[in-house]
Amino acid sequence: MNKHDETSGPSDAQQITLRGPAELADALPYLMGFHPNDSVVMVALHGGRGRFGGRLRLGIPHEPEEWAPVADQLAQCLIAGSERRESRPDAIVVFLCQDPAEGESASQTMQRLRPLAQSLRTACGALDVPVLEALCISDGRYWSYCCPDDRCCPPEGNPLALPGTTVMAAAAAYAGVQVRGSLRDMEARLMPGASSAAEEQEQALDSAGAVLLSRILDAEGRGEVAGETLALARDLMERLRKAPAAGSAGTDGGDDGLIAPDEAAAVILGLQDRETRDRAAEWMEGGEAEAALRLWSVLARRCVGPYVEHAAAPLALAGWVSWSTGDEAGARVALGLALRADPHYTFAQLLHQACNQGLDPETLRRCLRGERDLRDGRGSDSASQDHSGRPTGRRSAPRPARAPAARRKRRAADGPAPGAASRPRSAVDRGRGRDPRRLGARGARSRE
């Protein structure tokens, strides 16, 4: 067993010391806020005692040939993000979490993932940051890829501690830190389920798309659609607010029954417009935040059939509200799903980076508040403004709308962008016209 200490704590006021792989494995759910499954998790360590810093999570790539380039990318992203946030890590801890496939034992899962662990160790070492420990967690057991001693790390693995019996569990309970089930459970609350209503919702999306597309292709109609989308979203939020959720915000499936398929379709399609989405992102704090999160969760679950990629917008908004209100675990889950729905959705990419790097969401909140204050200051003469708050008399002629085209060729996948800008810029990145092409389920799509 590797003898080393990692000092961390559920809160800044309380620190605990973790010794060895067993306590590291037990600490993982408390570090993430959920039990990660089918995941690579990397945690930066700082200082001589190994204080926990930034962390990254990514689904384990299905194809082994992807492991080496993904490992390089993750190492670069974690190290660069840590440098931007505070300092270069002194070491890294790696977790590979995956349950056995059908017909496979947990020990076989560990051996199958060994090349991925080695790729991660090599990638970090190439950047002069050692991997202090690499653990595989599978089917209630853990293995160390770094410890060669069979006496403490046997081939059959060691059992995980019983839930709630460790020092980390006690400290987390004292600090009020909760682990909200598995990643799979959290994702399921934001994804369409098998339901007879799915066909009705798909038909509503088809019908709404046929109507809205013709309107949004008209320069004047675009502003009208945006205004209607935001007004309807406001009404739905108020409806949800008056019906308390049975569980925590955004997880109550009963919310689905409060929103009709045609209402959901209209807002889903309207949010494909970047500026409309940015306006909706202003509902991020105070009394608006909880109702907004419940609405975005419902809409994400309604993106069925060929409209799965449309979920990127409501999922990114759900991730933004979660991050803005201090729920980093929920934010990571929602933003990860947004990028799964559309890997090139810029808004989700930038939020995901910022959240993983531990940046302060107040920077973006200030920007959005400024946008709203500027608009409200001009609100006395609504006839002279469009829906985004800009005086219509000062606008140049509207940019002609482009008709739907074939899907643009995707760029080479580069994930949530190591080295990309660390501050979400969608709310301030103005100057480009709105793109109506995301309305169609099979049409070309904006990537912002």
Protein backbone atom coordinates (compact mmCIF):
# COMPACT_ATOMS: atom_id res chain seq x y z
CA MET A 1 0.00 0.00 0.00
CA ASN A 2 1.27 3.47 -0.79
CA LYS A 3 1.65 5.38 2.47
CA HIS A 4 0.69 8.98 1.94
CA ASP A 5 -1.67 11.57 3.35
CA GLU A 6 -4.30 13.57 1.52
CA THR A 7 -5.79 16.39 3.51
CA SER A 8 -9.23 17.62 2.63
CA GLY A 9 -12.57 18.36 4.20
CA PRO A 10 -16.23 18.86 3.40
CA SER A 11 -15.83 22.49 4.36
CA ASP A 12 -13.06 25.03 4.57
CA ALA A 13 -13.42 25.13 8.36
CA GLN A 14 -12.90 21.40 8.88
CA GLN A 15 -10.03 19.30 7.56
CA ILE A 16 -9.48 15.58 7.76
CA THR A 17 -6.55 13.43 6.74
CA LEU A 18 -7.01 10.44 4.44
CA ARG A 19 -4.46 7.67 4.52
CA GLY A 20 -4.13 5.14 1.77
CA PRO A 21 -6.31 3.79 -1.03
CA ALA A 22 -9.18 2.62 1.18
CA GLU A 23 -9.93 6.08 2.55
CA LEU A 24 -9.38 7.65 -0.86
CA ALA A 25 -11.93 5.30 -2.41
CA ASP A 26 -14.42 6.10 0.34
CA ALA A 27 -13.90 9.86 -0.09
CA LEU A 28 -14.70 9.93 -3.82
CA PRO A 29 -18.52 10.29 -3.56
CA TYR A 30 -18.10 13.15 -1.08
CA LEU A 31 -15.64 14.89 -3.38
CA MET A 32 -18.06 14.70 -6.30
CA GLY A 33 -21.43 14.90 -4.51
CA PHE A 34 -22.58 11.61 -6.09
CA HIS A 35 -21.30 8.10 -6.77
CA PRO A 36 -19.60 8.36 -10.18
CA ASN A 37 -20.14 5.34 -12.39
CA ASP A 38 -18.61 4.60 -15.78
CA SER A 39 -16.29 7.54 -15.11
CA VAL A 40 -12.72 8.74 -15.12
CA VAL A 41 -12.21 11.13 -12.19
CA MET A 42 -8.98 13.09 -11.72
CA VAL A 43 -8.28 15.18 -8.62
CA ALA A 44 -5.42 17.66 -8.26
CA LEU A 45 -3.35 17.66 -5.06
CA HIS A 46 -1.49 20.70 -3.75
CA GLY A 47 1.23 21.14 -1.15
CA GLY A 48 3.24 18.70 0.89
CA ARG A 49 0.16 17.23 2.56
CA GLY A 50 -1.82 16.83 -0.66
CA ARG A 51 -4.69 19.29 -0.27
CA PHE A 52 -7.47 18.48 -2.74
CA GLY A 53 -7.88 21.00 -5.55
CA GLY A 54 -9.62 20.94 -8.92
CA ARG A 55 -11.25 17.82 -10.26
CA LEU A 56 -12.45 16.51 -13.60
CA ARG A 57 -14.89 13.76 -14.54
CA LEU A 58 -15.41 12.17 -17.93
CA GLY A 59 -17.28 9.11 -19.06
CA ILE A 60 -14.88 6.26 -19.85
CA PRO A 61 -14.51 6.13 -23.66
CA HIS A 62 -15.93 2.92 -25.10
CA GLU A 63 -13.12 2.40 -27.60
CA PRO A 64 -9.67 1.58 -26.13
CA GLU A 65 -7.96 3.38 -29.02
CA GLU A 66 -9.41 6.62 -27.66
CA TRP A 67 -7.85 6.17 -24.23
CA ALA A 68 -4.38 7.60 -24.93
CA PRO A 69 -5.53 10.85 -26.61
CA VAL A 70 -8.26 11.33 -24.00
CA ALA A 71 -5.69 10.82 -21.23
CA ASP A 72 -3.44 13.48 -22.76
CA GLN A 73 -6.36 15.87 -23.00
CA LEU A 74 -7.57 15.30 -19.44
CA ALA A 75 -4.10 15.76 -17.98
CA GLN A 76 -3.58 19.00 -19.87
CA CYS A 77 -7.03 20.29 -18.91
CA LEU A 78 -6.69 19.54 -15.19
CA ILE A 79 -3.19 20.95 -14.90
CA ALA A 80 -3.89 24.08 -16.95
CA GLY A 81 -7.14 24.70 -15.07
CA SER A 82 -5.40 24.30 -11.71
CA GLU A 83 -2.74 26.79 -12.76
CA ARG A 84 -5.39 29.33 -13.74
CA ARG A 85 -7.29 28.78 -10.53
CA GLU A 86 -4.47 28.73 -7.96
CA SER A 87 -1.23 26.86 -8.74
CA ARG A 88 0.24 23.94 -10.59
CA PRO A 89 -0.68 20.63 -8.91
CA ASP A 90 2.02 18.79 -7.03
CA ALA A 91 0.37 15.45 -7.76
CA ILE A 92 -2.84 13.89 -9.11
CA VAL A 93 -5.11 11.08 -7.93
CA VAL A 94 -6.96 9.05 -10.58
CA PHE A 95 -10.14 7.01 -10.13
CA LEU A 96 -11.59 4.64 -12.72
CA CYS A 97 -15.16 3.70 -11.78
CA GLN A 98 -17.02 1.09 -13.81
CA ASP A 99 -19.20 -1.87 -12.96
CA PRO A 100 -18.49 -5.18 -14.72
CA ALA A 101 -19.94 -5.76 -18.15
CA GLU A 102 -22.21 -8.76 -18.71
CA GLY A 103 -20.25 -11.96 -18.15
CA GLU A 104 -17.28 -10.08 -16.67
CA SER A 105 -15.98 -10.11 -13.12
CA ALA A 106 -14.90 -6.99 -11.25
CA SER A 107 -11.31 -8.21 -11.34
CA GLN A 108 -11.53 -8.55 -15.12
CA THR A 109 -12.94 -5.03 -15.33
CA MET A 110 -9.93 -3.77 -13.41
CA GLN A 111 -7.53 -5.55 -15.76
CA ARG A 112 -9.38 -4.32 -18.85
CA LEU A 113 -9.05 -0.71 -17.64
CA ARG A 114 -5.38 -1.03 -16.71
CA PRO A 115 -4.15 0.42 -20.05
CA LEU A 116 -6.33 3.50 -19.45
CA ALA A 117 -4.82 3.94 -15.98
CA GLN A 118 -1.34 3.63 -17.49
CA SER A 119 -2.17 6.18 -20.20
CA LEU A 120 -3.31 8.65 -17.54
CA ARG A 121 -0.17 8.10 -15.47
CA THR A 122 2.02 8.56 -18.53
CA ALA A 123 0.16 11.70 -19.66
CA CYS A 124 0.48 13.33 -16.24
CA GLY A 125 4.11 12.31 -15.91
CA ALA A 126 4.90 13.83 -19.31
CA LEU A 127 3.72 17.15 -17.87
CA ASP A 128 5.92 16.68 -14.77
CA VAL A 129 3.01 16.03 -12.42
CA PRO A 130 3.08 12.52 -10.91
CA VAL A 131 0.03 10.35 -10.32
CA LEU A 132 0.23 9.62 -6.61
CA GLU A 133 -2.48 6.98 -6.69
CA ALA A 134 -4.66 5.37 -9.37
CA LEU A 135 -7.64 3.34 -8.18
CA CYS A 136 -10.18 1.17 -9.91
CA ILE A 137 -13.58 0.94 -8.19
CA SER A 138 -15.91 -1.79 -9.42
CA ASP A 139 -18.75 -3.80 -7.90
CA GLY A 140 -18.09 -2.68 -4.33
CA ARG A 141 -14.34 -3.35 -4.44
CA TYR A 142 -11.25 -1.29 -5.16
CA TRP A 143 -7.77 -1.96 -6.59
CA SER A 144 -4.62 0.15 -6.69
CA TYR A 145 -2.78 0.35 -9.99
CA CYS A 146 0.22 1.85 -8.18
CA CYS A 147 0.79 -0.61 -5.35
CA PRO A 148 2.61 -3.85 -6.30
CA ASP A 149 2.26 -5.44 -2.84
CA ASP A 150 -0.25 -8.32 -2.87
CA ARG A 151 -0.33 -8.37 0.92
CA CYS A 152 -2.28 -5.11 1.11
CA CYS A 153 -3.60 -4.89 -2.47
CA PRO A 154 -4.52 -8.46 -3.44
CA PRO A 155 -5.52 -9.46 -7.00
CA GLU A 156 -9.15 -9.92 -5.93
CA GLY A 157 -9.25 -6.36 -4.60
CA ASN A 158 -10.41 -5.04 -1.26
CA PRO A 159 -14.03 -4.38 -0.28
CA LEU A 160 -15.14 -0.78 0.05
CA ALA A 161 -16.01 0.35 3.56
CA LEU A 162 -19.64 0.14 4.58
CA PRO A 163 -21.46 3.42 3.85
CA GLY A 164 -21.39 5.85 6.74
CA THR A 165 -18.68 4.06 8.73
CA THR A 166 -15.56 6.06 7.78
CA VAL A 167 -13.99 9.26 8.98
CA MET A 168 -14.93 10.99 5.73
CA ALA A 169 -18.57 9.97 6.12
CA ALA A 170 -18.65 11.27 9.68
CA ALA A 171 -17.05 14.58 8.70
CA ALA A 172 -19.41 14.97 5.74
CA ALA A 173 -22.45 14.29 7.93
CA TYR A 174 -21.23 16.86 10.45
CA ALA A 175 -20.73 19.43 7.68
CA GLY A 176 -24.13 18.69 6.09
CA VAL A 177 -22.63 17.29 2.88
CA GLN A 178 -24.93 14.83 1.13
CA VAL A 179 -24.24 12.23 -1.53
CA ARG A 180 -27.19 12.17 -3.92
CA GLY A 181 -27.10 8.62 -5.22
CA SER A 182 -25.26 7.52 -8.31
CA LEU A 183 -24.39 9.51 -11.40
CA ARG A 184 -26.73 7.22 -13.33
CA ASP A 185 -29.62 8.16 -11.02
CA MET A 186 -28.92 11.88 -11.36
CA GLU A 187 -28.69 11.65 -15.13
CA ALA A 188 -31.96 9.73 -15.34
CA ARG A 189 -33.79 12.70 -13.80
CA LEU A 190 -32.72 14.86 -16.75
CA MET A 191 -33.26 12.41 -19.60
CA PRO A 192 -36.38 11.24 -21.45
CA GLY A 193 -37.79 8.02 -20.04
CA ALA A 194 -39.73 5.26 -21.72
CA SER A 195 -43.26 6.64 -21.79
CA SER A 196 -46.35 6.52 -23.93
CA ALA A 197 -46.28 10.33 -23.84
CA ALA A 198 -43.01 10.42 -25.81
CA GLU A 199 -44.80 9.96 -29.13
CA GLU A 200 -47.25 12.76 -28.31
CA GLN A 201 -44.35 15.05 -27.37
CA GLU A 202 -42.49 14.25 -30.61
CA GLN A 203 -45.61 15.09 -32.61
CA ALA A 204 -45.93 18.38 -30.73
CA LEU A 205 -42.29 19.21 -31.54
CA ASP A 206 -42.88 18.41 -35.21
CA SER A 207 -45.96 20.63 -35.33
CA ALA A 208 -44.32 23.52 -33.47
CA GLY A 209 -41.25 23.32 -35.68
CA ALA A 210 -43.34 23.56 -38.84
CA VAL A 211 -45.04 26.72 -37.57
CA LEU A 212 -42.07 28.42 -35.91
CA LEU A 213 -39.63 27.82 -38.74
CA SER A 214 -41.60 29.91 -41.19
CA ARG A 215 -41.88 32.71 -38.62
CA ILE A 216 -38.27 32.72 -37.54
CA LEU A 217 -37.06 32.86 -41.12
CA ASP A 218 -38.75 36.25 -41.26
CA ALA A 219 -36.62 39.01 -39.71
CA GLU A 220 -39.55 40.56 -37.84
CA GLY A 221 -40.93 37.19 -36.80
CA ARG A 222 -37.72 36.27 -35.04
CA GLY A 223 -38.20 38.91 -32.38
CA GLU A 224 -41.83 37.93 -31.93
CA VAL A 225 -40.92 34.26 -31.43
CA ALA A 226 -38.27 35.20 -28.88
CA GLY A 227 -40.70 37.36 -26.92
CA GLU A 228 -43.36 34.64 -26.97
CA THR A 229 -40.84 32.01 -25.86
CA LEU A 230 -39.71 34.04 -22.86
CA ALA A 231 -43.27 35.00 -21.88
CA LEU A 232 -44.42 31.37 -22.04
CA ALA A 233 -41.38 30.22 -20.06
CA ARG A 234 -42.20 32.81 -17.39
CA ASP A 235 -45.79 31.54 -17.19
CA LEU A 236 -44.61 27.94 -16.86
CA MET A 237 -42.15 28.88 -14.12
CA GLU A 238 -44.95 30.54 -12.19
CA ARG A 239 -47.10 27.44 -12.63
CA LEU A 240 -44.31 25.25 -11.27
CA ARG A 241 -43.63 27.64 -8.41
CA LYS A 242 -47.22 27.34 -7.24
CA ALA A 243 -46.97 23.53 -7.23
CA PRO A 244 -44.18 22.60 -4.78
CA ALA A 245 -41.87 19.85 -5.98
CA ALA A 246 -42.10 16.51 -4.22
CA GLY A 247 -38.32 16.30 -4.08
CA SER A 248 -35.38 18.62 -4.57
CA ALA A 249 -35.57 21.19 -7.34
CA GLY A 250 -35.32 19.74 -10.78
CA THR A 251 -35.88 16.11 -9.77
CA ASP A 252 -39.66 15.90 -9.44
CA GLY A 253 -41.07 13.90 -12.32
CA GLY A 254 -44.53 15.12 -11.29
CA ASP A 255 -43.59 18.46 -12.83
CA ASP A 256 -44.01 16.84 -16.23
CA GLY A 257 -47.76 16.65 -15.74
CA LEU A 258 -47.99 20.42 -15.26
CA ILE A 259 -46.70 21.29 -18.73
CA ALA A 260 -48.55 20.33 -21.91
CA PRO A 261 -46.63 18.88 -24.88
CA ASP A 262 -47.32 21.90 -27.10
CA GLU A 263 -46.11 24.29 -24.38
CA ALA A 264 -42.91 22.32 -23.89
CA ALA A 265 -42.33 22.14 -27.64
CA ALA A 266 -42.69 25.90 -28.10
CA VAL A 267 -40.14 26.72 -25.40
CA ILE A 268 -37.68 23.98 -26.42
CA LEU A 269 -37.59 25.22 -29.99
CA GLY A 270 -37.51 28.88 -28.97
CA LEU A 271 -34.45 28.25 -26.78
CA GLN A 272 -32.46 27.10 -29.81
CA ASP A 273 -31.99 30.82 -30.53
CA ARG A 274 -28.80 31.89 -28.75
CA GLU A 275 -30.02 35.31 -27.64
CA THR A 276 -33.29 33.93 -26.31
CA ARG A 277 -31.31 31.34 -24.34
CA ASP A 278 -29.05 34.05 -22.94
CA ARG A 279 -32.11 36.01 -21.80
CA ALA A 280 -33.43 32.90 -20.07
CA ALA A 281 -30.06 32.47 -18.35
CA GLU A 282 -30.82 35.63 -16.38
CA TRP A 283 -33.22 33.59 -14.21
CA MET A 284 -30.33 32.35 -12.10
CA GLU A 285 -30.79 33.45 -8.50
CA GLY A 286 -33.29 34.32 -5.83
CA GLY A 287 -36.87 33.16 -6.20
CA GLU A 288 -36.49 32.60 -9.94
CA ALA A 289 -33.72 30.02 -9.72
CA GLU A 290 -35.66 27.07 -8.28
CA ALA A 291 -38.59 27.42 -10.69
CA ALA A 292 -36.21 27.91 -13.61
CA LEU A 293 -34.27 24.75 -12.73
CA ARG A 294 -37.48 22.74 -12.54
CA LEU A 295 -38.58 24.08 -15.91
CA TRP A 296 -35.25 23.36 -17.65
CA SER A 297 -35.31 19.84 -16.21
CA VAL A 298 -38.81 19.19 -17.55
CA LEU A 299 -37.83 20.51 -20.98
CA ALA A 300 -34.70 18.36 -21.07
CA ARG A 301 -36.83 15.29 -20.40
CA ARG A 302 -39.15 16.30 -23.25
CA CYS A 303 -36.42 16.28 -25.93
CA VAL A 304 -37.41 12.92 -27.37
CA GLY A 305 -36.74 11.03 -30.59
CA PRO A 306 -34.88 13.06 -33.22
CA TYR A 307 -34.96 16.09 -30.91
CA VAL A 308 -32.39 14.70 -28.45
CA GLU A 309 -29.78 17.27 -29.50
CA HIS A 310 -32.22 20.08 -28.71
CA ALA A 311 -31.76 19.13 -25.03
CA ALA A 312 -28.35 20.87 -25.06
CA ALA A 313 -30.01 24.26 -24.46
CA PRO A 314 -32.23 23.38 -21.46
CA LEU A 315 -29.52 21.13 -20.00
CA ALA A 316 -26.93 23.90 -20.25
CA LEU A 317 -29.39 26.28 -18.58
CA ALA A 318 -30.04 23.70 -15.83
CA GLY A 319 -26.29 23.36 -15.33
CA TRP A 320 -25.87 27.13 -15.19
CA VAL A 321 -28.62 27.60 -12.58
CA SER A 322 -27.21 24.73 -10.49
CA TRP A 323 -23.72 26.21 -10.60
CA SER A 324 -25.01 29.72 -9.89
CA THR A 325 -26.86 28.48 -6.79
CA GLY A 326 -23.90 26.52 -5.42
CA ASP A 327 -24.81 23.01 -6.57
CA GLU A 328 -21.59 22.08 -8.38
CA ALA A 329 -22.39 18.37 -8.46
CA GLY A 330 -25.74 18.98 -10.17
CA ALA A 331 -24.08 21.45 -12.53
CA ARG A 332 -21.46 18.96 -13.64
CA VAL A 333 -24.08 16.31 -14.31
CA ALA A 334 -26.35 18.61 -16.34
CA LEU A 335 -23.49 20.13 -18.33
CA GLY A 336 -22.02 16.71 -19.00
CA LEU A 337 -25.37 15.61 -20.45
CA ALA A 338 -25.58 18.80 -22.52
CA LEU A 339 -22.23 17.97 -24.09
CA ARG A 340 -23.34 14.40 -24.65
CA ALA A 341 -26.39 15.73 -26.51
CA ASP A 342 -24.26 18.13 -28.55
CA PRO A 343 -20.47 17.89 -28.00
CA HIS A 344 -19.90 21.20 -29.79
CA TYR A 345 -22.43 23.30 -27.86
CA THR A 346 -20.22 26.25 -26.93
CA PHE A 347 -22.29 27.56 -24.02
CA ALA A 348 -22.13 24.18 -22.27
CA GLN A 349 -18.43 23.73 -23.08
CA LEU A 350 -17.47 27.02 -21.46
CA LEU A 351 -19.68 26.54 -18.41
CA HIS A 352 -18.34 23.01 -17.95
CA GLN A 353 -14.75 24.25 -18.04
CA ALA A 354 -15.44 27.08 -15.63
CA CYS A 355 -17.28 24.84 -13.16
CA ASN A 356 -14.58 22.16 -13.24
CA GLN A 357 -11.88 24.77 -12.72
CA GLY A 358 -13.63 26.08 -9.61
CA LEU A 359 -14.18 29.57 -10.98
CA ASP A 360 -16.62 31.96 -9.30
CA PRO A 361 -19.97 32.14 -11.14
CA GLU A 362 -20.40 35.70 -9.91
CA THR A 363 -18.44 36.95 -12.93
CA LEU A 364 -21.14 35.70 -15.29
CA ARG A 365 -23.93 36.68 -12.92
CA ARG A 366 -22.70 40.28 -12.94
CA CYS A 367 -22.63 40.26 -16.72
CA LEU A 368 -26.18 38.94 -16.96
CA ARG A 369 -27.42 41.41 -14.35
CA GLY A 370 -25.83 44.20 -16.36
CA GLU A 371 -27.60 43.04 -19.51
CA ARG A 372 -30.94 43.01 -17.71
CA ASP A 373 -30.36 46.38 -16.03
CA LEU A 374 -29.41 47.94 -19.36
CA ARG A 375 -32.57 46.59 -20.93
CA ASP A 376 -34.76 47.68 -18.02
CA GLY A 377 -33.29 51.16 -18.21
CA ARG A 378 -34.49 51.46 -21.77
CA GLY A 379 -37.83 49.83 -21.06
CA SER A 380 -39.89 53.00 -21.03
CA ASP A 381 -40.25 53.02 -24.78
CA SER A 382 -40.94 49.42 -25.65
CA ALA A 383 -42.09 50.31 -29.14
CA SER A 384 -38.59 51.45 -30.04
CA GLN A 385 -36.85 48.26 -28.87
CA ASP A 386 -36.61 44.71 -29.99
CA HIS A 387 -36.82 41.75 -27.60
CA SER A 388 -33.12 41.93 -26.73
CA GLY A 389 -33.36 45.49 -25.43
CA ARG A 390 -31.59 47.24 -28.33
CA PRO A 391 -33.26 50.35 -29.76
CA THR A 392 -34.73 49.36 -33.10
CA GLY A 393 -34.08 52.76 -34.57
CA ARG A 394 -30.33 52.25 -34.26
CA ARG A 395 -30.19 48.78 -35.72
CA SER A 396 -28.94 48.10 -39.15
CA ALA A 397 -31.10 46.12 -41.51
CA PRO A 398 -31.73 42.65 -40.13
CA ARG A 399 -29.46 39.94 -41.32
CA PRO A 400 -31.30 37.74 -43.84
CA ALA A 401 -32.23 34.43 -42.31
CA ARG A 402 -30.70 31.32 -43.79
CA ALA A 403 -32.86 28.40 -44.67
CA PRO A 404 -32.17 25.06 -43.02
CA ALA A 405 -29.29 23.24 -44.62
CA ALA A 406 -27.64 19.86 -44.19
CA ARG A 407 -25.85 19.34 -40.92
CA ARG A 408 -22.49 21.02 -40.87
CA LYS A 409 -19.52 18.72 -40.72
CA ARG A 410 -18.46 18.36 -37.12
CA ARG A 411 -15.07 19.62 -36.09
CA ALA A 412 -12.60 17.07 -34.80
CA ALA A 413 -13.76 16.23 -31.30
CA ASP A 414 -11.68 18.04 -28.75
CA GLY A 415 -13.90 17.67 -25.69
CA PRO A 416 -14.52 20.45 -23.27
CA ALA A 417 -11.49 22.20 -24.61
CA PRO A 418 -8.29 22.20 -22.67
CA GLY A 419 -6.74 25.58 -23.18
CA ALA A 420 -9.98 27.21 -24.26
CA ALA A 421 -11.19 30.42 -22.65
CA SER A 422 -11.99 29.76 -19.03
CA ARG A 423 -14.74 32.36 -18.69
CA PRO A 424 -18.18 31.67 -20.14
CA ARG A 425 -18.66 34.26 -22.85
CA SER A 426 -22.05 33.49 -24.33
CA ALA A 427 -23.77 36.29 -22.43
CA VAL A 428 -21.32 38.90 -23.63
CA ASP A 429 -20.35 37.52 -27.01
CA ARG A 430 -22.59 39.75 -29.05
CA GLY A 431 -22.33 41.06 -32.57
CA ARG A 432 -23.40 37.88 -34.34
CA GLY A 433 -26.91 37.41 -35.64
CA ARG A 434 -29.24 34.79 -34.29
CA ASP A 435 -29.26 31.50 -36.07
CA PRO A 436 -32.74 30.10 -36.67
CA ARG A 437 -31.51 26.82 -38.07
CA ARG A 438 -31.80 24.80 -34.88
CA LEU A 439 -35.58 24.72 -35.09
CA GLY A 440 -35.73 21.68 -37.33
CA ALA A 441 -35.01 18.30 -35.79
CA ARG A 442 -32.95 17.30 -38.79
CA GLY A 443 -31.72 20.70 -39.95
CA ALA A 444 -28.39 22.36 -39.39
CA ARG A 445 -27.74 23.52 -35.85
CA SER A 446 -26.08 26.39 -34.10
CA ARG A 447 -23.22 25.32 -31.83
CA GLU A 448 -23.51 28.08 -29.28
